[in-house]
All heavy atoms as atom14 arrays in JSON, in Angstrom:
{
  "sequence": "NAVMKPAFDKLADDKKVGKFPIGLLHQHQSIDYD",
  "atom14_mask": [
    [1, 1, 1, 1, 1, 1, 1, 1, 0, 0, 0, 0, 0, 0],
    [1, 1, 1, 1, 1, 0, 0, 0, 0, 0, 0, 0, 0, 0],
    [1, 1, 1, 1, 1, 1, 1, 0, 0, 0, 0, 0, 0, 0],
    [1, 1, 1, 1, 1, 1, 1, 1, 0, 0, 0, 0, 0, 0],
    [1, 1, 1, 1, 1, 1, 1, 1, 1, 0, 0, 0, 0, 0],
    [1, 1, 1, 1, 1, 1, 1, 0, 0, 0, 0, 0, 0, 0],
    [1, 1, 1, 1, 1, 0, 0, 0, 0, 0, 0, 0, 0, 0],
    [1, 1, 1, 1, 1, 1, 1, 1, 1, 1, 1, 0, 0, 0],
    [1, 1, 1, 1, 1, 1, 1, 1, 0, 0, 0, 0, 0, 0],
    [1, 1, 1, 1, 1, 1, 1, 1, 1, 0, 0, 0, 0, 0],
    [1, 1, 1, 1, 1, 1, 1, 1, 0, 0, 0, 0, 0, 0],
    [1, 1, 1, 1, 1, 0, 0, 0, 0, 0, 0, 0, 0, 0],
    [1, 1, 1, 1, 1, 1, 1, 1, 0, 0, 0, 0, 0, 0],
    [1, 1, 1, 1, 1, 1, 1, 1, 0, 0, 0, 0, 0, 0],
    [1, 1, 1, 1, 1, 1, 1, 1, 1, 0, 0, 0, 0, 0],
    [1, 1, 1, 1, 1, 1, 1, 1, 1, 0, 0, 0, 0, 0],
    [1, 1, 1, 1, 1, 1, 1, 0, 0, 0, 0, 0, 0, 0],
    [1, 1, 1, 1, 0, 0, 0, 0, 0, 0, 0, 0, 0, 0],
    [1, 1, 1, 1, 1, 1, 1, 1, 1, 0, 0, 0, 0, 0],
    [1, 1, 1, 1, 1, 1, 1, 1, 1, 1, 1, 0, 0, 0],
    [1, 1, 1, 1, 1, 1, 1, 0, 0, 0, 0, 0, 0, 0],
    [1, 1, 1, 1, 1, 1, 1, 1, 0, 0, 0, 0, 0, 0],
    [1, 1, 1, 1, 0, 0, 0, 0, 0, 0, 0, 0, 0, 0],
    [1, 1, 1, 1, 1, 1, 1, 1, 0, 0, 0, 0, 0, 0],
    [1, 1, 1, 1, 1, 1, 1, 1, 0, 0, 0, 0, 0, 0],
    [1, 1, 1, 1, 1, 1, 1, 1, 1, 1, 0, 0, 0, 0],
    [1, 1, 1, 1, 1, 1, 1, 1, 1, 0, 0, 0, 0, 0],
    [1, 1, 1, 1, 1, 1, 1, 1, 1, 1, 0, 0, 0, 0],
    [1, 1, 1, 1, 1, 1, 1, 1, 1, 0, 0, 0, 0, 0],
    [1, 1, 1, 1, 1, 1, 0, 0, 0, 0, 0, 0, 0, 0],
    [1, 1, 1, 1, 1, 1, 1, 1, 0, 0, 0, 0, 0, 0],
    [1, 1, 1, 1, 1, 1, 1, 1, 0, 0, 0, 0, 0, 0],
    [1, 1, 1, 1, 1, 1, 1, 1, 1, 1, 1, 1, 0, 0],
    [1, 1, 1, 1, 1, 1, 1, 1, 0, 0, 0, 0, 0, 0]
  ],
  "atom14_positions": [
    [[37.77, 37.15, 8.82], [38.34, 36.12, 7.95], [37.79, 36.1, 6.53], [38.38, 35.46, 5.66], [38.15, 34.74, 8.6], [38.99, 34.59, 9.85], [40.2, 34.43, 9.79], [38.34, 34.67, 11.01], [0.0, 0.0, 0.0], [0.0, 0.0, 0.0], [0.0, 0.0, 0.0], [0.0, 0.0, 0.0], [0.0, 0.0, 0.0], [0.0, 0.0, 0.0]],
    [[36.66, 36.78, 6.29], [36.15, 36.91, 4.92], [36.89, 38.02, 4.2], [37.06, 39.11, 4.75], [34.65, 37.2, 4.95], [0.0, 0.0, 0.0], [0.0, 0.0, 0.0], [0.0, 0.0, 0.0], [0.0, 0.0, 0.0], [0.0, 0.0, 0.0], [0.0, 0.0, 0.0], [0.0, 0.0, 0.0], [0.0, 0.0, 0.0], [0.0, 0.0, 0.0]],
    [[37.34, 37.73, 2.99], [38.11, 38.71, 2.21], [37.47, 38.83, 0.82], [37.18, 37.81, 0.18], [39.59, 38.28, 2.07], [40.37, 39.33, 1.3], [40.21, 38.02, 3.43], [0.0, 0.0, 0.0], [0.0, 0.0, 0.0], [0.0, 0.0, 0.0], [0.0, 0.0, 0.0], [0.0, 0.0, 0.0], [0.0, 0.0, 0.0], [0.0, 0.0, 0.0]],
    [[37.23, 40.05, 0.38], [36.68, 40.25, -0.96], [37.59, 39.57, -1.99], [38.81, 39.65, -1.9], [36.54, 41.74, -1.27], [35.52, 42.45, -0.39], [33.83, 41.83, -0.64], [32.97, 42.72, 0.66], [0.0, 0.0, 0.0], [0.0, 0.0, 0.0], [0.0, 0.0, 0.0], [0.0, 0.0, 0.0], [0.0, 0.0, 0.0], [0.0, 0.0, 0.0]],
    [[36.97, 38.92, -2.97], [37.73, 38.07, -3.88], [38.91, 38.77, -4.56], [40.0, 38.19, -4.64], [36.81, 37.46, -4.95], [37.54, 36.44, -5.83], [36.62, 35.8, -6.83], [37.34, 34.69, -7.6], [38.53, 35.15, -8.33], [0.0, 0.0, 0.0], [0.0, 0.0, 0.0], [0.0, 0.0, 0.0], [0.0, 0.0, 0.0], [0.0, 0.0, 0.0]],
    [[38.77, 39.99, -5.07], [39.94, 40.62, -5.71], [41.12, 40.75, -4.75], [42.27, 40.53, -5.16], [39.4, 42.0, -6.13], [37.93, 41.79, -6.3], [37.54, 40.82, -5.23], [0.0, 0.0, 0.0], [0.0, 0.0, 0.0], [0.0, 0.0, 0.0], [0.0, 0.0, 0.0], [0.0, 0.0, 0.0], [0.0, 0.0, 0.0], [0.0, 0.0, 0.0]],
    [[40.84, 41.07, -3.49], [41.93, 41.18, -2.51], [42.45, 39.81, -2.12], [43.67, 39.63, -1.93], [41.43, 41.93, -1.27], [0.0, 0.0, 0.0], [0.0, 0.0, 0.0], [0.0, 0.0, 0.0], [0.0, 0.0, 0.0], [0.0, 0.0, 0.0], [0.0, 0.0, 0.0], [0.0, 0.0, 0.0], [0.0, 0.0, 0.0], [0.0, 0.0, 0.0]],
    [[41.55, 38.83, -2.03], [41.96, 37.47, -1.68], [42.91, 36.9, -2.72], [43.91, 36.26, -2.39], [40.73, 36.57, -1.54], [41.03, 35.17, -1.11], [41.14, 34.85, 0.24], [41.19, 34.15, -2.04], [41.42, 33.55, 0.65], [41.47, 32.85, -1.65], [41.58, 32.55, -0.3], [0.0, 0.0, 0.0], [0.0, 0.0, 0.0], [0.0, 0.0, 0.0]],
    [[42.61, 37.15, -4.0], [43.44, 36.62, -5.08], [44.86, 37.18, -5.05], [45.79, 36.55, -5.57], [42.8, 36.92, -6.44], [41.53, 36.11, -6.68], [41.33, 35.1, -5.97], [40.74, 36.5, -7.56], [0.0, 0.0, 0.0], [0.0, 0.0, 0.0], [0.0, 0.0, 0.0], [0.0, 0.0, 0.0], [0.0, 0.0, 0.0], [0.0, 0.0, 0.0]],
    [[45.03, 38.34, -4.45], [46.35, 38.97, -4.39], [47.17, 38.52, -3.19], [48.37, 38.83, -3.11], [46.2, 40.5, -4.36], [45.6, 41.08, -5.64], [45.4, 42.58, -5.52], [44.75, 43.15, -6.77], [44.49, 44.61, -6.65], [0.0, 0.0, 0.0], [0.0, 0.0, 0.0], [0.0, 0.0, 0.0], [0.0, 0.0, 0.0], [0.0, 0.0, 0.0]],
    [[46.53, 37.81, -2.26], [47.24, 37.37, -1.06], [48.25, 36.27, -1.39], [47.99, 35.41, -2.25], [46.26, 36.86, -0.01], [45.33, 37.87, 0.66], [44.36, 37.15, 1.58], [46.11, 38.93, 1.41], [0.0, 0.0, 0.0], [0.0, 0.0, 0.0], [0.0, 0.0, 0.0], [0.0, 0.0, 0.0], [0.0, 0.0, 0.0], [0.0, 0.0, 0.0]],
    [[49.35, 36.28, -0.7], [50.29, 35.15, -0.78], [49.63, 33.92, -0.17], [48.75, 34.04, 0.68], [51.58, 35.49, -0.04], [0.0, 0.0, 0.0], [0.0, 0.0, 0.0], [0.0, 0.0, 0.0], [0.0, 0.0, 0.0], [0.0, 0.0, 0.0], [0.0, 0.0, 0.0], [0.0, 0.0, 0.0], [0.0, 0.0, 0.0], [0.0, 0.0, 0.0]],
    [[50.05, 32.75, -0.6], [49.42, 31.51, -0.15], [49.41, 31.38, 1.37], [48.42, 30.94, 1.96], [50.12, 30.3, -0.77], [49.83, 30.17, -2.26], [48.87, 30.81, -2.74], [50.56, 29.42, -2.94], [0.0, 0.0, 0.0], [0.0, 0.0, 0.0], [0.0, 0.0, 0.0], [0.0, 0.0, 0.0], [0.0, 0.0, 0.0], [0.0, 0.0, 0.0]],
    [[50.49, 31.77, 2.02], [50.54, 31.64, 3.47], [49.59, 32.6, 4.17], [49.15, 32.35, 5.3], [51.98, 31.84, 3.98], [52.52, 33.23, 3.68], [52.24, 33.75, 2.59], [53.21, 33.78, 4.55], [0.0, 0.0, 0.0], [0.0, 0.0, 0.0], [0.0, 0.0, 0.0], [0.0, 0.0, 0.0], [0.0, 0.0, 0.0], [0.0, 0.0, 0.0]],
    [[49.22, 33.7, 3.51], [48.3, 34.67, 4.09], [46.83, 34.24, 3.89], [45.93, 34.8, 4.53], [48.51, 36.05, 3.45], [49.9, 36.63, 3.67], [50.17, 36.92, 5.13], [51.51, 37.61, 5.32], [51.81, 37.88, 6.75], [0.0, 0.0, 0.0], [0.0, 0.0, 0.0], [0.0, 0.0, 0.0], [0.0, 0.0, 0.0], [0.0, 0.0, 0.0]],
    [[46.6, 33.27, 3.0], [45.24, 32.79, 2.75], [44.78, 31.77, 3.78], [43.59, 31.48, 3.87], [45.15, 32.16, 1.35], [45.3, 33.16, 0.21], [45.19, 32.46, -1.14], [45.32, 33.45, -2.29], [45.25, 32.78, -3.61], [0.0, 0.0, 0.0], [0.0, 0.0, 0.0], [0.0, 0.0, 0.0], [0.0, 0.0, 0.0], [0.0, 0.0, 0.0]],
    [[45.7, 31.24, 4.56], [45.36, 30.21, 5.54], [44.37, 30.77, 6.55], [44.61, 31.81, 7.18], [46.62, 29.7, 6.26], [46.24, 28.69, 7.33], [47.59, 29.08, 5.27], [0.0, 0.0, 0.0], [0.0, 0.0, 0.0], [0.0, 0.0, 0.0], [0.0, 0.0, 0.0], [0.0, 0.0, 0.0], [0.0, 0.0, 0.0], [0.0, 0.0, 0.0]],
    [[43.23, 30.09, 6.69], [42.21, 30.53, 7.63], [41.26, 31.57, 7.08], [40.27, 31.93, 7.71], [0.0, 0.0, 0.0], [0.0, 0.0, 0.0], [0.0, 0.0, 0.0], [0.0, 0.0, 0.0], [0.0, 0.0, 0.0], [0.0, 0.0, 0.0], [0.0, 0.0, 0.0], [0.0, 0.0, 0.0], [0.0, 0.0, 0.0], [0.0, 0.0, 0.0]],
    [[41.54, 32.1, 5.88], [40.7, 33.11, 5.25], [39.84, 32.45, 4.17], [40.12, 31.32, 3.73], [41.55, 34.21, 4.62], [42.57, 34.85, 5.55], [41.93, 35.69, 6.62], [42.97, 36.41, 7.46], [42.36, 37.2, 8.55], [0.0, 0.0, 0.0], [0.0, 0.0, 0.0], [0.0, 0.0, 0.0], [0.0, 0.0, 0.0], [0.0, 0.0, 0.0]],
    [[38.82, 33.15, 3.72], [38.01, 32.65, 2.61], [37.5, 33.83, 1.79], [37.24, 34.91, 2.32], [36.85, 31.78, 3.1], [35.88, 32.47, 4.02], [34.73, 33.07, 3.53], [36.11, 32.5, 5.39], [33.83, 33.7, 4.37], [35.21, 33.13, 6.25], [34.07, 33.73, 5.75], [0.0, 0.0, 0.0], [0.0, 0.0, 0.0], [0.0, 0.0, 0.0]],
    [[37.36, 33.64, 0.45], [36.92, 34.74, -0.41], [35.4, 34.9, -0.4], [34.66, 33.92, -0.31], [37.41, 34.32, -1.79], [37.39, 32.82, -1.74], [37.73, 32.45, -0.32], [0.0, 0.0, 0.0], [0.0, 0.0, 0.0], [0.0, 0.0, 0.0], [0.0, 0.0, 0.0], [0.0, 0.0, 0.0], [0.0, 0.0, 0.0], [0.0, 0.0, 0.0]],
    [[34.94, 36.13, -0.49], [33.53, 36.42, -0.67], [33.38, 37.33, -1.89], [34.33, 37.99, -2.31], [32.87, 37.06, 0.57], [33.55, 38.39, 0.94], [32.9, 36.1, 1.74], [32.84, 39.13, 2.06], [0.0, 0.0, 0.0], [0.0, 0.0, 0.0], [0.0, 0.0, 0.0], [0.0, 0.0, 0.0], [0.0, 0.0, 0.0], [0.0, 0.0, 0.0]],
    [[32.18, 37.32, -2.45], [31.92, 38.11, -3.64], [31.5, 37.22, -4.79], [31.13, 36.05, -4.58], [0.0, 0.0, 0.0], [0.0, 0.0, 0.0], [0.0, 0.0, 0.0], [0.0, 0.0, 0.0], [0.0, 0.0, 0.0], [0.0, 0.0, 0.0], [0.0, 0.0, 0.0], [0.0, 0.0, 0.0], [0.0, 0.0, 0.0], [0.0, 0.0, 0.0]],
    [[31.54, 37.74, -5.99], [31.24, 36.95, -7.19], [32.45, 36.09, -7.52], [33.51, 36.61, -7.88], [30.89, 37.88, -8.36], [30.57, 37.2, -9.7], [29.4, 36.23, -9.56], [30.27, 38.25, -10.77], [0.0, 0.0, 0.0], [0.0, 0.0, 0.0], [0.0, 0.0, 0.0], [0.0, 0.0, 0.0], [0.0, 0.0, 0.0], [0.0, 0.0, 0.0]],
    [[32.3, 34.79, -7.38], [33.43, 33.88, -7.54], [33.53, 33.29, -8.94], [34.61, 32.89, -9.37], [33.33, 32.75, -6.52], [33.19, 33.16, -5.05], [33.16, 31.93, -4.15], [34.29, 34.11, -4.63], [0.0, 0.0, 0.0], [0.0, 0.0, 0.0], [0.0, 0.0, 0.0], [0.0, 0.0, 0.0], [0.0, 0.0, 0.0], [0.0, 0.0, 0.0]],
    [[32.4, 33.2, -9.63], [32.4, 32.59, -10.97], [31.16, 33.04, -11.72], [30.08, 33.12, -11.14], [32.4, 31.06, -10.87], [32.23, 30.37, -12.18], [33.27, 30.18, -13.07], [31.13, 29.86, -12.79], [32.83, 29.56, -14.14], [31.53, 29.36, -14.0], [0.0, 0.0, 0.0], [0.0, 0.0, 0.0], [0.0, 0.0, 0.0], [0.0, 0.0, 0.0]],
    [[31.31, 33.31, -13.01], [30.16, 33.63, -13.85], [30.51, 33.34, -15.3], [31.61, 33.66, -15.76], [29.73, 35.09, -13.69], [28.41, 35.42, -14.39], [27.89, 36.8, -14.04], [28.67, 37.69, -13.69], [26.58, 36.98, -14.09], [0.0, 0.0, 0.0], [0.0, 0.0, 0.0], [0.0, 0.0, 0.0], [0.0, 0.0, 0.0], [0.0, 0.0, 0.0]],
    [[29.6, 32.7, -16.0], [29.74, 32.53, -17.44], [28.35, 32.4, -18.05], [27.36, 32.22, -17.34], [30.6, 31.3, -17.79], [29.92, 29.99, -17.59], [29.91, 29.31, -16.39], [29.22, 29.2, -18.46], [29.24, 28.18, -16.51], [28.81, 28.09, -17.75], [0.0, 0.0, 0.0], [0.0, 0.0, 0.0], [0.0, 0.0, 0.0], [0.0, 0.0, 0.0]],
    [[28.25, 32.51, -19.35], [26.97, 32.45, -20.03], [26.78, 31.09, -20.68], [27.71, 30.52, -21.26], [26.86, 33.56, -21.08], [26.74, 34.95, -20.49], [26.47, 36.0, -21.55], [26.75, 35.81, -22.73], [25.9, 37.12, -21.13], [0.0, 0.0, 0.0], [0.0, 0.0, 0.0], [0.0, 0.0, 0.0], [0.0, 0.0, 0.0], [0.0, 0.0, 0.0]],
    [[25.56, 30.58, -20.57], [25.2, 29.32, -21.2], [23.68, 29.27, -21.28], [22.99, 29.89, -20.45], [25.73, 28.13, -20.39], [25.37, 26.9, -21.0], [0.0, 0.0, 0.0], [0.0, 0.0, 0.0], [0.0, 0.0, 0.0], [0.0, 0.0, 0.0], [0.0, 0.0, 0.0], [0.0, 0.0, 0.0], [0.0, 0.0, 0.0], [0.0, 0.0, 0.0]],
    [[23.14, 28.56, -22.24], [21.69, 28.48, -22.38], [21.09, 27.82, -21.13], [21.62, 26.84, -20.62], [21.29, 27.71, -23.66], [19.76, 27.76, -23.85], [21.81, 26.27, -23.63], [19.31, 27.24, -25.2], [0.0, 0.0, 0.0], [0.0, 0.0, 0.0], [0.0, 0.0, 0.0], [0.0, 0.0, 0.0], [0.0, 0.0, 0.0], [0.0, 0.0, 0.0]],
    [[20.02, 28.41, -20.64], [19.37, 27.83, -19.46], [18.45, 26.68, -19.88], [18.09, 26.54, -21.04], [18.6, 28.9, -18.68], [17.5, 29.52, -19.52], [17.81, 30.38, -20.37], [16.34, 29.13, -19.36], [0.0, 0.0, 0.0], [0.0, 0.0, 0.0], [0.0, 0.0, 0.0], [0.0, 0.0, 0.0], [0.0, 0.0, 0.0], [0.0, 0.0, 0.0]],
    [[18.07, 25.87, -18.9], [17.44, 24.58, -19.18], [16.05, 24.71, -19.81], [15.71, 23.93, -20.71], [17.35, 23.77, -17.9], [17.06, 22.3, -18.12], [17.85, 21.53, -18.97], [16.01, 21.66, -17.46], [17.61, 20.19, -19.16], [15.76, 20.32, -17.64], [16.56, 19.58, -18.49], [16.32, 18.24, -18.66], [0.0, 0.0, 0.0], [0.0, 0.0, 0.0]],
    [[15.25, 25.69, -19.37], [13.91, 25.77, -19.95], [13.96, 26.19, -21.41], [13.17, 25.71, -22.24], [12.97, 26.68, -19.13], [13.55, 28.02, -18.79], [14.62, 28.05, -18.18], [12.92, 29.04, -19.14], [0.0, 0.0, 0.0], [0.0, 0.0, 0.0], [0.0, 0.0, 0.0], [0.0, 0.0, 0.0], [0.0, 0.0, 0.0], [0.0, 0.0, 0.0]]
  ]
}
């Protein structure tokens, strides 16, 4: 049921039911707190 995110994003909505994406889901740059 785990699907690599690039492949998951290409699935039709009905094919995503019961599945979940794995991999790098989000990344952006911002100054860290310290």
